[in-house]
Amino acid sequence: MSNKSRGFSFERRRLSWIKRNGGWGMRAFGSKGIVDLVYIDGNGVGHMEQLKFSSKGKARISKKEFESLKQFALRWDGKPCHVSLVIKNAWQKPQVTKLNG
């Protein structure tokens, strides 16, 4: 299974978990943008997440991509929308890091 298909599988599993917990959302088209998932949780709060997955070793994000994500998150400060980085390493729970205030 390629890295892309593993990442796609994680995106689908994460979105299924969100829906089971009362949320609604969708994957960004082909995950080509700054975020992979856009959703509203069960409390009506918006979320945009960049997901990183690894079945071996540690999931990583490049410095350049992380800086772009942080700059994107700044646009949403003070608004009811969370921009987060979600890292999932094999056999561990996803680690969610909120990037805006």
PDB file of N, CA and C in Angstrom:
ATOM      1  N   MET A   1       0.855  -1.176   0.000  1.00  0.00           N
ATOM      2  CA  MET A   1       0.000   0.000   0.000  1.00  0.00           C
ATOM      3  C   MET A   1       0.901   1.239   0.000  1.00  0.00           C
ATOM      4  N   SER A   2       0.650   2.167  -0.884  1.00  0.00           N
ATOM      5  CA  SER A   2       1.487   3.365  -0.991  1.00  0.00           C
ATOM      6  C   SER A   2       1.205   4.344   0.143  1.00  0.00           C
ATOM      7  N   ASN A   3       2.129   5.296   0.325  1.00  0.00           N
ATOM      8  CA  ASN A   3       1.939   6.330   1.353  1.00  0.00           C
ATOM      9  C   ASN A   3       0.665   7.123   1.098  1.00  0.00           C
ATOM     10  N   LYS A   4       0.378   7.423  -0.178  1.00  0.00           N
ATOM     11  CA  LYS A   4      -0.828   8.190  -0.504  1.00  0.00           C
ATOM     12  C   LYS A   4      -2.087   7.432  -0.109  1.00  0.00           C
ATOM     13  N   SER A   5      -2.108   6.124  -0.389  1.00  0.00           N
ATOM     14  CA  SER A   5      -3.307   5.363  -0.051  1.00  0.00           C
ATOM     15  C   SER A   5      -3.451   5.209   1.461  1.00  0.00           C
ATOM     16  N   ARG A   6      -2.336   5.119   2.197  1.00  0.00           N
ATOM     17  CA  ARG A   6      -2.413   5.069   3.655  1.00  0.00           C
ATOM     18  C   ARG A   6      -2.933   6.388   4.201  1.00  0.00           C
ATOM     19  N   GLY A   7      -2.457   7.491   3.644  1.00  0.00           N
ATOM     20  CA  GLY A   7      -2.932   8.806   4.064  1.00  0.00           C
ATOM     21  C   GLY A   7      -4.411   8.980   3.767  1.00  0.00           C
ATOM     22  N   PHE A   8      -4.837   8.532   2.589  1.00  0.00           N
ATOM     23  CA  PHE A   8      -6.246   8.598   2.212  1.00  0.00           C
ATOM     24  C   PHE A   8      -7.085   7.766   3.177  1.00  0.00           C
ATOM     25  N   SER A   9      -6.606   6.593   3.521  1.00  0.00           N
ATOM     26  CA  SER A   9      -7.313   5.716   4.450  1.00  0.00           C
ATOM     27  C   SER A   9      -7.453   6.383   5.820  1.00  0.00           C
ATOM     28  N   PHE A  10      -6.392   7.031   6.289  1.00  0.00           N
ATOM     29  CA  PHE A  10      -6.461   7.729   7.577  1.00  0.00           C
ATOM     30  C   PHE A  10      -7.460   8.881   7.509  1.00  0.00           C
ATOM     31  N   GLU A  11      -7.474   9.611   6.414  1.00  0.00           N
ATOM     32  CA  GLU A  11      -8.440  10.707   6.252  1.00  0.00           C
ATOM     33  C   GLU A  11      -9.866  10.165   6.330  1.00  0.00           C
ATOM     34  N   ARG A  12     -10.118   9.063   5.664  1.00  0.00           N
ATOM     35  CA  ARG A  12     -11.463   8.467   5.688  1.00  0.00           C
ATOM     36  C   ARG A  12     -11.827   7.978   7.078  1.00  0.00           C
ATOM     37  N   ARG A  13     -10.891   7.349   7.786  1.00  0.00           N
ATOM     38  CA  ARG A  13     -11.164   6.879   9.146  1.00  0.00           C
ATOM     39  C   ARG A  13     -11.425   8.047  10.080  1.00  0.00           C
ATOM     40  N   ARG A  14     -10.642   9.112   9.947  1.00  0.00           N
ATOM     41  CA  ARG A  14     -10.819  10.298  10.798  1.00  0.00           C
ATOM     42  C   ARG A  14     -12.200  10.922  10.535  1.00  0.00           C
ATOM     43  N   LEU A  15     -12.581  11.039   9.281  1.00  0.00           N
ATOM     44  CA  LEU A  15     -13.878  11.614   8.933  1.00  0.00           C
ATOM     45  C   LEU A  15     -15.024  10.726   9.440  1.00  0.00           C
ATOM     46  N   SER A  16     -14.867   9.426   9.375  1.00  0.00           N
ATOM     47  CA  SER A  16     -15.882   8.514   9.919  1.00  0.00           C
ATOM     48  C   SER A  16     -16.027   8.716  11.425  1.00  0.00           C
ATOM     49  N   TRP A  17     -14.911   8.856  12.122  1.00  0.00           N
ATOM     50  CA  TRP A  17     -14.937   9.096  13.571  1.00  0.00           C
ATOM     51  C   TRP A  17     -15.669  10.403  13.880  1.00  0.00           C
ATOM     52  N   ILE A  18     -15.388  11.452  13.109  1.00  0.00           N
ATOM     53  CA  ILE A  18     -16.047  12.757  13.291  1.00  0.00           C
ATOM     54  C   ILE A  18     -17.563  12.606  13.123  1.00  0.00           C
ATOM     55  N   LYS A  19     -17.982  11.910  12.083  1.00  0.00           N
ATOM     56  CA  LYS A  19     -19.414  11.723  11.823  1.00  0.00           C
ATOM     57  C   LYS A  19     -20.085  10.886  12.906  1.00  0.00           C
ATOM     58  N   ARG A  20     -19.403   9.850  13.395  1.00  0.00           N
ATOM     59  CA  ARG A  20     -19.959   9.037  14.483  1.00  0.00           C
ATOM     60  C   ARG A  20     -20.136   9.854  15.760  1.00  0.00           C
ATOM     61  N   ASN A  21     -19.358  10.923  15.904  1.00  0.00           N
ATOM     62  CA  ASN A  21     -19.418  11.762  17.091  1.00  0.00           C
ATOM     63  C   ASN A  21     -20.245  13.026  16.882  1.00  0.00           C
ATOM     64  N   GLY A  22     -21.149  12.994  15.909  1.00  0.00           N
ATOM     65  CA  GLY A  22     -22.108  14.074  15.723  1.00  0.00           C
ATOM     66  C   GLY A  22     -21.694  15.191  14.788  1.00  0.00           C
ATOM     67  N   GLY A  23     -20.544  15.060  14.144  1.00  0.00           N
ATOM     68  CA  GLY A  23     -20.080  16.102  13.233  1.00  0.00           C
ATOM     69  C   GLY A  23     -20.458  15.820  11.794  1.00  0.00           C
ATOM     70  N   TRP A  24     -20.141  16.768  10.933  1.00  0.00           N
ATOM     71  CA  TRP A  24     -20.344  16.629   9.500  1.00  0.00           C
ATOM     72  C   TRP A  24     -19.160  17.275   8.807  1.00  0.00           C
ATOM     73  N   GLY A  25     -18.644  16.640   7.779  1.00  0.00           N
ATOM     74  CA  GLY A  25     -17.501  17.234   7.097  1.00  0.00           C
ATOM     75  C   GLY A  25     -17.198  16.575   5.777  1.00  0.00           C
ATOM     76  N   MET A  26     -16.062  16.991   5.204  1.00  0.00           N
ATOM     77  CA  MET A  26     -15.647  16.453   3.915  1.00  0.00           C
ATOM     78  C   MET A  26     -14.133  16.575   3.777  1.00  0.00           C
ATOM     79  N   ARG A  27     -13.610  15.748   2.884  1.00  0.00           N
ATOM     80  CA  ARG A  27     -12.188  15.827   2.554  1.00  0.00           C
ATOM     81  C   ARG A  27     -12.001  16.952   1.544  1.00  0.00           C
ATOM     82  N   ALA A  28     -10.880  17.641   1.640  1.00  0.00           N
ATOM     83  CA  ALA A  28     -10.535  18.633   0.624  1.00  0.00           C
ATOM     84  C   ALA A  28     -10.215  17.867  -0.659  1.00  0.00           C
ATOM     85  N   PHE A  29     -10.527  18.434  -1.795  1.00  0.00           N
ATOM     86  CA  PHE A  29     -10.350  17.750  -3.076  1.00  0.00           C
ATOM     87  C   PHE A  29      -8.917  17.254  -3.243  1.00  0.00           C
ATOM     88  N   GLY A  30      -8.750  15.958  -3.253  1.00  0.00           N
ATOM     89  CA  GLY A  30      -7.444  15.360  -3.496  1.00  0.00           C
ATOM     90  C   GLY A  30      -6.405  15.706  -2.458  1.00  0.00           C
ATOM     91  N   SER A  31      -6.814  16.365  -1.379  1.00  0.00           N
ATOM     92  CA  SER A  31      -5.893  16.787  -0.317  1.00  0.00           C
ATOM     93  C   SER A  31      -4.710  17.572  -0.877  1.00  0.00           C
ATOM     94  N   LYS A  32      -4.977  18.398  -1.869  1.00  0.00           N
ATOM     95  CA  LYS A  32      -3.914  19.178  -2.504  1.00  0.00           C
ATOM     96  C   LYS A  32      -3.735  20.546  -1.850  1.00  0.00           C
ATOM     97  N   GLY A  33      -4.672  20.945  -1.008  1.00  0.00           N
ATOM     98  CA  GLY A  33      -4.601  22.268  -0.408  1.00  0.00           C
ATOM     99  C   GLY A  33      -3.853  22.280   0.913  1.00  0.00           C
ATOM    100  N   ILE A  34      -4.044  23.338   1.649  1.00  0.00           N
ATOM    101  CA  ILE A  34      -3.361  23.528   2.924  1.00  0.00           C
ATOM    102  C   ILE A  34      -3.931  22.608   4.006  1.00  0.00           C
ATOM    103  N   VAL A  35      -5.211  22.206   3.867  1.00  0.00           N
ATOM    104  CA  VAL A  35      -5.832  21.302   4.836  1.00  0.00           C
ATOM    105  C   VAL A  35      -6.413  20.077   4.119  1.00  0.00           C
ATOM    106  N   ASP A  36      -6.568  18.998   4.876  1.00  0.00           N
ATOM    107  CA  ASP A  36      -7.104  17.757   4.317  1.00  0.00           C
ATOM    108  C   ASP A  36      -8.587  17.571   4.615  1.00  0.00           C
ATOM    109  N   LEU A  37      -9.015  17.989   5.817  1.00  0.00           N
ATOM    110  CA  LEU A  37     -10.413  17.847   6.214  1.00  0.00           C
ATOM    111  C   LEU A  37     -10.986  19.186   6.639  1.00  0.00           C
ATOM    112  N   VAL A  38     -12.254  19.383   6.308  1.00  0.00           N
ATOM    113  CA  VAL A  38     -13.017  20.551   6.762  1.00  0.00           C
ATOM    114  C   VAL A  38     -14.302  19.984   7.347  1.00  0.00           C
ATOM    115  N   TYR A  39     -14.593  20.354   8.617  1.00  0.00           N
ATOM    116  CA  TYR A  39     -15.796  19.804   9.231  1.00  0.00           C
ATOM    117  C   TYR A  39     -16.336  20.695  10.337  1.00  0.00           C
ATOM    118  N   ILE A  40     -17.592  20.429  10.683  1.00  0.00           N
ATOM    119  CA  ILE A  40     -18.269  21.069  11.809  1.00  0.00           C
ATOM    120  C   ILE A  40     -18.484  19.972  12.845  1.00  0.00           C
ATOM    121  N   ASP A  41     -18.041  20.216  14.089  1.00  0.00           N
ATOM    122  CA  ASP A  41     -18.232  19.188  15.110  1.00  0.00           C
ATOM    123  C   ASP A  41     -19.653  19.227  15.658  1.00  0.00           C
ATOM    124  N   GLY A  42     -19.965  18.335  16.569  1.00  0.00           N
ATOM    125  CA  GLY A  42     -21.295  18.228  17.136  1.00  0.00           C
ATOM    126  C   GLY A  42     -21.738  19.454  17.909  1.00  0.00           C
ATOM    127  N   ASN A  43     -20.794  20.335  18.282  1.00  0.00           N
ATOM    128  CA  ASN A  43     -21.110  21.574  18.999  1.00  0.00           C
ATOM    129  C   ASN A  43     -21.236  22.773  18.072  1.00  0.00           C
ATOM    130  N   GLY A  44     -21.107  22.550  16.763  1.00  0.00           N
ATOM    131  CA  GLY A  44     -21.240  23.634  15.800  1.00  0.00           C
ATOM    132  C   GLY A  44     -19.970  24.433  15.559  1.00  0.00           C
ATOM    133  N   VAL A  45     -18.829  23.935  16.018  1.00  0.00           N
ATOM    134  CA  VAL A  45     -17.555  24.624  15.826  1.00  0.00           C
ATOM    135  C   VAL A  45     -16.884  24.083  14.564  1.00  0.00           C
ATOM    136  N   GLY A  46     -16.372  24.989  13.748  1.00  0.00           N
ATOM    137  CA  GLY A  46     -15.688  24.605  12.516  1.00  0.00           C
ATOM    138  C   GLY A  46     -14.261  24.149  12.789  1.00  0.00           C
ATOM    139  N   HIS A  47     -13.802  23.223  11.976  1.00  0.00           N
ATOM    140  CA  HIS A  47     -12.439  22.699  12.088  1.00  0.00           C
ATOM    141  C   HIS A  47     -11.857  22.515  10.687  1.00  0.00           C
ATOM    142  N   MET A  48     -10.576  22.808  10.568  1.00  0.00           N
ATOM    143  CA  MET A  48      -9.828  22.501   9.359  1.00  0.00           C
ATOM    144  C   MET A  48      -8.561  21.806   9.820  1.00  0.00           C
ATOM    145  N   GLU A  49      -8.293  20.628   9.266  1.00  0.00           N
ATOM    146  CA  GLU A  49      -7.166  19.837   9.748  1.00  0.00           C
ATOM    147  C   GLU A  49      -6.248  19.395   8.617  1.00  0.00           C
ATOM    148  N   GLN A  50      -4.962  19.475   8.892  1.00  0.00           N
ATOM    149  CA  GLN A  50      -3.931  18.882   8.054  1.00  0.00           C
ATOM    150  C   GLN A  50      -3.556  17.576   8.748  1.00  0.00           C
ATOM    151  N   LEU A  51      -3.655  16.452   8.034  1.00  0.00           N
ATOM    152  CA  LEU A  51      -3.381  15.148   8.624  1.00  0.00           C
ATOM    153  C   LEU A  51      -2.065  14.586   8.121  1.00  0.00           C
ATOM    154  N   LYS A  52      -1.318  13.985   9.037  1.00  0.00           N
ATOM    155  CA  LYS A  52      -0.089  13.287   8.687  1.00  0.00           C
ATOM    156  C   LYS A  52      -0.149  11.910   9.327  1.00  0.00           C
ATOM    157  N   PHE A  53       0.190  10.883   8.561  1.00  0.00           N
ATOM    158  CA  PHE A  53       0.089   9.507   9.029  1.00  0.00           C
ATOM    159  C   PHE A  53       1.346   8.738   8.662  1.00  0.00           C
ATOM    160  N   SER A  54       1.749   7.850   9.570  1.00  0.00           N
ATOM    161  CA  SER A  54       2.837   6.931   9.264  1.00  0.00           C
ATOM    162  C   SER A  54       2.538   5.587   9.894  1.00  0.00           C
ATOM    163  N   SER A  55       2.660   4.533   9.110  1.00  0.00           N
ATOM    164  CA  SER A  55       2.479   3.193   9.657  1.00  0.00           C
ATOM    165  C   SER A  55       3.806   2.643  10.174  1.00  0.00           C
ATOM    166  N   LYS A  56       4.897   3.318   9.839  1.00  0.00           N
ATOM    167  CA  LYS A  56       6.234   2.953  10.304  1.00  0.00           C
ATOM    168  C   LYS A  56       6.935   4.234  10.726  1.00  0.00           C
ATOM    169  N   GLY A  57       7.596   4.214  11.832  1.00  0.00           N
ATOM    170  CA  GLY A  57       8.334   5.400  12.262  1.00  0.00           C
ATOM    171  C   GLY A  57       7.401   6.520  12.688  1.00  0.00           C
ATOM    172  N   LYS A  58       7.845   7.759  12.428  1.00  0.00           N
ATOM    173  CA  LYS A  58       7.083   8.928  12.849  1.00  0.00           C
ATOM    174  C   LYS A  58       6.544   9.687  11.645  1.00  0.00           C
ATOM    175  N   ALA A  59       5.287  10.112  11.765  1.00  0.00           N
ATOM    176  CA  ALA A  59       4.695  10.961  10.730  1.00  0.00           C
ATOM    177  C   ALA A  59       5.379  12.321  10.800  1.00  0.00           C
ATOM    178  N   ARG A  60       5.616  12.928   9.646  1.00  0.00           N
ATOM    179  CA  ARG A  60       6.348  14.200   9.600  1.00  0.00           C
ATOM    180  C   ARG A  60       5.651  15.221   8.721  1.00  0.00           C
ATOM    181  N   ILE A  61       5.961  16.473   9.027  1.00  0.00           N
ATOM    182  CA  ILE A  61       5.533  17.583   8.196  1.00  0.00           C
ATOM    183  C   ILE A  61       6.779  18.425   7.945  1.00  0.00           C
ATOM    184  N   SER A  62       6.966  18.867   6.722  1.00  0.00           N
ATOM    185  CA  SER A  62       8.147  19.672   6.414  1.00  0.00           C
ATOM    186  C   SER A  62       8.039  21.033   7.096  1.00  0.00           C
ATOM    187  N   LYS A  63       9.180  21.665   7.338  1.00  0.00           N
ATOM    188  CA  LYS A  63       9.178  22.996   7.960  1.00  0.00           C
ATOM    189  C   LYS A  63       8.396  23.988   7.111  1.00  0.00           C
ATOM    190  N   LYS A  64       8.586  23.919   5.805  1.00  0.00           N
ATOM    191  CA  LYS A  64       7.903  24.844   4.899  1.00  0.00           C
ATOM    192  C   LYS A  64       6.383  24.645   4.974  1.00  0.00           C
ATOM    193  N   GLU A  65       5.937  23.398   4.938  1.00  0.00           N
ATOM    194  CA  GLU A  65       4.504  23.123   5.003  1.00  0.00           C
ATOM    195  C   GLU A  65       3.931  23.526   6.361  1.00  0.00           C
ATOM    196  N   PHE A  66       4.692  23.286   7.444  1.00  0.00           N
ATOM    197  CA  PHE A  66       4.232  23.652   8.778  1.00  0.00           C
ATOM    198  C   PHE A  66       4.119  25.167   8.913  1.00  0.00           C
ATOM    199  N   GLU A  67       5.076  25.903   8.379  1.00  0.00           N
ATOM    200  CA  GLU A  67       5.019  27.371   8.425  1.00  0.00           C
ATOM    201  C   GLU A  67       3.821  27.895   7.632  1.00  0.00           C
ATOM    202  N   SER A  68       3.558  27.307   6.468  1.00  0.00           N
ATOM    203  CA  SER A  68       2.392  27.707   5.671  1.00  0.00           C
ATOM    204  C   SER A  68       1.101  27.445   6.439  1.00  0.00           C
ATOM    205  N   LEU A  69       1.034  26.304   7.123  1.00  0.00           N
ATOM    206  CA  LEU A  69      -0.147  25.959   7.904  1.00  0.00           C
ATOM    207  C   LEU A  69      -0.335  26.932   9.071  1.00  0.00           C
ATOM    208  N   LYS A  70       0.766  27.299   9.739  1.00  0.00           N
ATOM    209  CA  LYS A  70       0.673  28.268  10.843  1.00  0.00           C
ATOM    210  C   LYS A  70       0.212  29.626  10.348  1.00  0.00           C
ATOM    211  N   GLN A  71       0.704  30.079   9.196  1.00  0.00           N
ATOM    212  CA  GLN A  71       0.272  31.358   8.630  1.00  0.00           C
ATOM    213  C   GLN A  71      -1.206  31.310   8.259  1.00  0.00           C
ATOM    214  N   PHE A  72      -1.641  30.197   7.709  1.00  0.00           N
ATOM    215  CA  PHE A  72      -3.052  30.010   7.384  1.00  0.00           C
ATOM    216  C   PHE A  72      -3.897  30.071   8.659  1.00  0.00           C
ATOM    217  N   ALA A  73      -3.435  29.435   9.718  1.00  0.00           N
ATOM    218  CA  ALA A  73      -4.168  29.401  10.989  1.00  0.00           C
ATOM    219  C   ALA A  73      -4.340  30.799  11.575  1.00  0.00           C
ATOM    220  N   LEU A  74      -3.359  31.677  11.376  1.00  0.00           N
ATOM    221  CA  LEU A  74      -3.442  33.045  11.917  1.00  0.00           C
ATOM    222  C   LEU A  74      -4.656  33.796  11.364  1.00  0.00           C
ATOM    223  N   ARG A  75      -5.049  33.478  10.140  1.00  0.00           N
ATOM    224  CA  ARG A  75      -6.221  34.134   9.541  1.00  0.00           C
ATOM    225  C   ARG A  75      -7.502  33.829  10.313  1.00  0.00           C
ATOM    226  N   TRP A  76      -7.511  32.750  11.062  1.00  0.00           N
ATOM    227  CA  TRP A  76      -8.706  32.294  11.752  1.00  0.00           C
ATOM    228  C   TRP A  76      -8.682  32.602  13.244  1.00  0.00           C
ATOM    229  N   ASP A  77      -7.681  33.342  13.728  1.00  0.00           N
ATOM    230  CA  ASP A  77      -7.635  33.725  15.142  1.00  0.00           C
ATOM    231  C   ASP A  77      -8.887  34.510  15.513  1.00  0.00           C
ATOM    232  N   GLY A  78      -9.454  34.166  16.664  1.00  0.00           N
ATOM    233  CA  GLY A  78     -10.631  34.873  17.160  1.00  0.00           C
ATOM    234  C   GLY A  78     -11.932  34.489  16.491  1.00  0.00           C
ATOM    235  N   LYS A  79     -11.895  33.538  15.580  1.00  0.00           N
ATOM    236  CA  LYS A  79     -13.097  33.085  14.886  1.00  0.00           C
ATOM    237  C   LYS A  79     -13.445  31.680  15.377  1.00  0.00           C
ATOM    238  N   PRO A  80     -14.726  31.302  15.284  1.00  0.00           N
ATOM    239  CA  PRO A  80     -15.111  29.973  15.781  1.00  0.00           C
ATOM    240  C   PRO A  80     -14.728  28.848  14.815  1.00  0.00           C
ATOM    241  N   CYS A  81     -13.443  28.787  14.498  1.00  0.00           N
ATOM    242  CA  CYS A  81     -12.927  27.753  13.611  1.00  0.00           C
ATOM    243  C   CYS A  81     -11.520  27.399  14.068  1.00  0.00           C
ATOM    244  N   HIS A  82     -11.279  26.132  14.275  1.00  0.00           N
ATOM    245  CA  HIS A  82      -9.967  25.671  14.721  1.00  0.00           C
ATOM    246  C   HIS A  82      -9.188  25.133  13.536  1.00  0.00           C
ATOM    247  N   VAL A  83      -7.933  25.529  13.441  1.00  0.00           N
ATOM    248  CA  VAL A  83      -7.032  24.981  12.442  1.00  0.00           C
ATOM    249  C   VAL A  83      -6.032  24.125  13.208  1.00  0.00           C
ATOM    250  N   SER A  84      -5.921  22.854  12.828  1.00  0.00           N
ATOM    251  CA  SER A  84      -5.097  21.924  13.592  1.00  0.00           C
ATOM    252  C   SER A  84      -4.239  21.047  12.693  1.00  0.00           C
ATOM    253  N   LEU A  85      -3.140  20.565  13.294  1.00  0.00           N
ATOM    254  CA  LEU A  85      -2.301  19.541  12.689  1.00  0.00           C
ATOM    255  C   LEU A  85      -2.597  18.261  13.458  1.00  0.00           C
ATOM    256  N   VAL A  86      -2.933  17.195  12.741  1.00  0.00           N
ATOM    257  CA  VAL A  86      -3.232  15.909  13.367  1.00  0.00           C
ATOM    258  C   VAL A  86      -2.176  14.912  12.902  1.00  0.00           C
ATOM    259  N   ILE A  87      -1.413  14.393  13.861  1.00  0.00           N
ATOM    260  CA  ILE A  87      -0.367  13.427  13.548  1.00  0.00           C
ATOM    261  C   ILE A  87      -0.765  12.078  14.126  1.00  0.00           C
ATOM    262  N   LYS A  88      -0.712  11.052  13.277  1.00  0.00           N
ATOM    263  CA  LYS A  88      -1.064   9.700  13.706  1.00  0.00           C
ATOM    264  C   LYS A  88       0.071   8.771  13.342  1.00  0.00           C
ATOM    265  N   ASN A  89       0.730   8.243  14.367  1.00  0.00           N
ATOM    266  CA  ASN A  89       1.743   7.222  14.169  1.00  0.00           C
ATOM    267  C   ASN A  89       1.102   5.865  14.427  1.00  0.00           C
ATOM    268  N   ALA A  90       1.638   4.837  13.802  1.00  0.00           N
ATOM    269  CA  ALA A  90       1.068   3.495  13.915  1.00  0.00           C
ATOM    270  C   ALA A  90       0.835   3.108  15.362  1.00  0.00           C
ATOM    271  N   TRP A  91      -0.300   2.505  15.598  1.00  0.00           N
ATOM    272  CA  TRP A  91      -0.667   1.941  16.889  1.00  0.00           C
ATOM    273  C   TRP A  91      -0.804   2.980  17.997  1.00  0.00           C
ATOM    274  N   GLN A  92      -0.925   4.242  17.655  1.00  0.00           N
ATOM    275  CA  GLN A  92      -1.117   5.291  18.650  1.00  0.00           C
ATOM    276  C   GLN A  92      -2.369   6.077  18.300  1.00  0.00           C
ATOM    277  N   LYS A  93      -2.902   6.771  19.296  1.00  0.00           N
ATOM    278  CA  LYS A  93      -4.046   7.650  19.050  1.00  0.00           C
ATOM    279  C   LYS A  93      -3.555   8.888  18.308  1.00  0.00           C
ATOM    280  N   PRO A  94      -4.424   9.503  17.496  1.00  0.00           N
ATOM    281  CA  PRO A  94      -4.038  10.744  16.822  1.00  0.00           C
ATOM    282  C   PRO A  94      -3.703  11.847  17.826  1.00  0.00           C
ATOM    283  N   GLN A  95      -2.668  12.608  17.543  1.00  0.00           N
ATOM    284  CA  GLN A  95      -2.265  13.747  18.372  1.00  0.00           C
ATOM    285  C   GLN A  95      -2.698  15.017  17.635  1.00  0.00           C
ATOM    286  N   VAL A  96      -3.631  15.779  18.228  1.00  0.00           N
ATOM    287  CA  VAL A  96      -4.158  16.975  17.609  1.00  0.00           C
ATOM    288  C   VAL A  96      -3.500  18.206  18.229  1.00  0.00           C
ATOM    289  N   THR A  97      -2.895  19.052  17.383  1.00  0.00           N
ATOM    290  CA  THR A  97      -2.264  20.281  17.830  1.00  0.00           C
ATOM    291  C   THR A  97      -2.989  21.447  17.206  1.00  0.00           C
ATOM    292  N   LYS A  98      -3.710  22.220  18.038  1.00  0.00           N
ATOM    293  CA  LYS A  98      -4.444  23.396  17.559  1.00  0.00           C
ATOM    294  C   LYS A  98      -3.437  24.517  17.292  1.00  0.00           C
ATOM    295  N   LEU A  99      -3.556  25.153  16.129  1.00  0.00           N
ATOM    296  CA  LEU A  99      -2.580  26.151  15.718  1.00  0.00           C
ATOM    297  C   LEU A  99      -3.066  27.594  15.795  1.00  0.00           C
ATOM    298  N   ASN A 100      -4.334  27.815  16.133  1.00  0.00           N
ATOM    299  CA  ASN A 100      -4.815  29.197  16.235  1.00  0.00           C
ATOM    300  C   ASN A 100      -5.524  29.414  17.559  1.00  0.00           C
ATOM    301  N   GLY A 101      -5.720  30.701  17.916  1.00  0.00           N
ATOM    302  CA  GLY A 101      -6.287  31.050  19.222  1.00  0.00           C
ATOM    303  C   GLY A 101      -7.739  31.201  19.292  1.00  0.00           C
TER     304      GLY A 101
END
